[in-house]
Amino acid sequence: MPLDGLFTPKSLDHYRAMAVSGSYQANLNQSQVAAVLKAHDYGLAILTPEETRLVEQVMSVLKDQIWP
C-alpha cells in the first residue's frame, strides 16, 4: 500500500467539524506561559527550539481539553 498522501495535512475545514466554541481551562507552568507571551509578541518563527517545545506543550494541553 503506498504511503503517498498518508500524512498530508488536513484543511482547516476538516478541524472545524470537530471544533466547538467555548471556554477551556489549562494549567500551565511559568515557562510555558512565558513562551506563549514571547510567541505572541514576536511570532512563532523567532522562538528557540526550547521555546517552541514549550508552546507545543501548551497546544497539547489545550488539545486535550478541546478533544480528549
Protein backbone atom coordinates (compact mmCIF):
# COMPACT_ATOMS: atom_id res chain seq x y z
CA MET A 1 0.00 0.00 0.00
CA PRO A 2 1.56 3.35 -0.99
CA LEU A 3 2.08 5.85 1.79
CA ASP A 4 1.73 8.87 -0.51
CA GLY A 5 -0.70 11.31 1.00
CA LEU A 6 -1.00 9.40 4.28
CA PHE A 7 0.44 12.29 6.24
CA THR A 8 -0.80 15.14 4.08
CA PRO A 9 -2.06 17.92 6.37
CA LYS A 10 -5.82 18.27 6.51
CA SER A 11 -7.51 21.56 5.71
CA LEU A 12 -8.75 23.86 8.46
CA ASP A 13 -12.30 22.96 7.41
CA HIS A 14 -11.60 19.36 8.45
CA TYR A 15 -10.94 20.56 12.01
CA ARG A 16 -13.88 22.96 12.07
CA ALA A 17 -16.15 19.92 12.07
CA MET A 18 -14.67 18.93 15.45
CA ALA A 19 -14.38 22.44 16.89
CA VAL A 20 -16.83 23.77 19.45
CA SER A 21 -16.63 27.33 20.71
CA GLY A 22 -16.31 27.60 24.47
CA SER A 23 -14.10 28.19 27.44
CA TYR A 24 -11.22 25.85 28.08
CA GLN A 25 -9.00 25.69 31.16
CA ALA A 26 -5.30 24.87 31.10
CA ASN A 27 -2.83 24.50 33.95
CA LEU A 28 0.46 25.90 32.65
CA ASN A 29 3.84 26.40 34.27
CA GLN A 30 5.73 29.70 34.26
CA SER A 31 7.99 28.71 31.35
CA GLN A 32 5.04 27.71 29.19
CA VAL A 33 3.27 31.00 29.88
CA ALA A 34 6.44 32.98 29.13
CA ALA A 35 6.90 31.13 25.82
CA VAL A 36 3.30 31.89 24.81
CA LEU A 37 3.77 35.57 25.64
CA LYS A 38 7.00 35.72 23.63
CA ALA A 39 5.34 33.94 20.70
CA HIS A 40 2.52 36.45 20.79
CA ASP A 41 4.90 39.43 20.84
CA TYR A 42 7.40 38.22 18.22
CA GLY A 43 5.77 35.34 16.30
CA LEU A 44 6.46 31.63 16.25
CA ALA A 45 9.35 31.84 13.78
CA ILE A 46 11.59 33.69 16.27
CA LEU A 47 11.33 31.08 19.04
CA THR A 48 14.26 28.92 20.04
CA PRO A 49 13.81 25.14 19.85
CA GLU A 50 13.20 25.03 23.62
CA GLU A 51 10.61 27.81 23.43
CA THR A 52 8.91 26.07 20.52
CA ARG A 53 8.73 22.90 22.60
CA LEU A 54 7.07 24.86 25.42
CA VAL A 55 4.46 26.34 23.06
CA GLU A 56 3.83 22.86 21.66
CA GLN A 57 3.24 21.63 25.22
CA VAL A 58 0.61 24.35 25.68
CA MET A 59 -1.07 23.32 22.43
CA SER A 60 -1.10 19.72 23.64
CA VAL A 61 -2.72 20.69 26.95
CA LEU A 62 -5.36 22.73 25.13
CA LYS A 63 -5.96 20.00 22.56
CA ASP A 64 -6.66 17.52 25.39
CA GLN A 65 -9.25 19.93 26.79
CA ILE A 66 -10.84 20.53 23.39
CA TRP A 67 -10.73 16.97 22.03
CA PRO A 68 -9.87 14.40 24.75
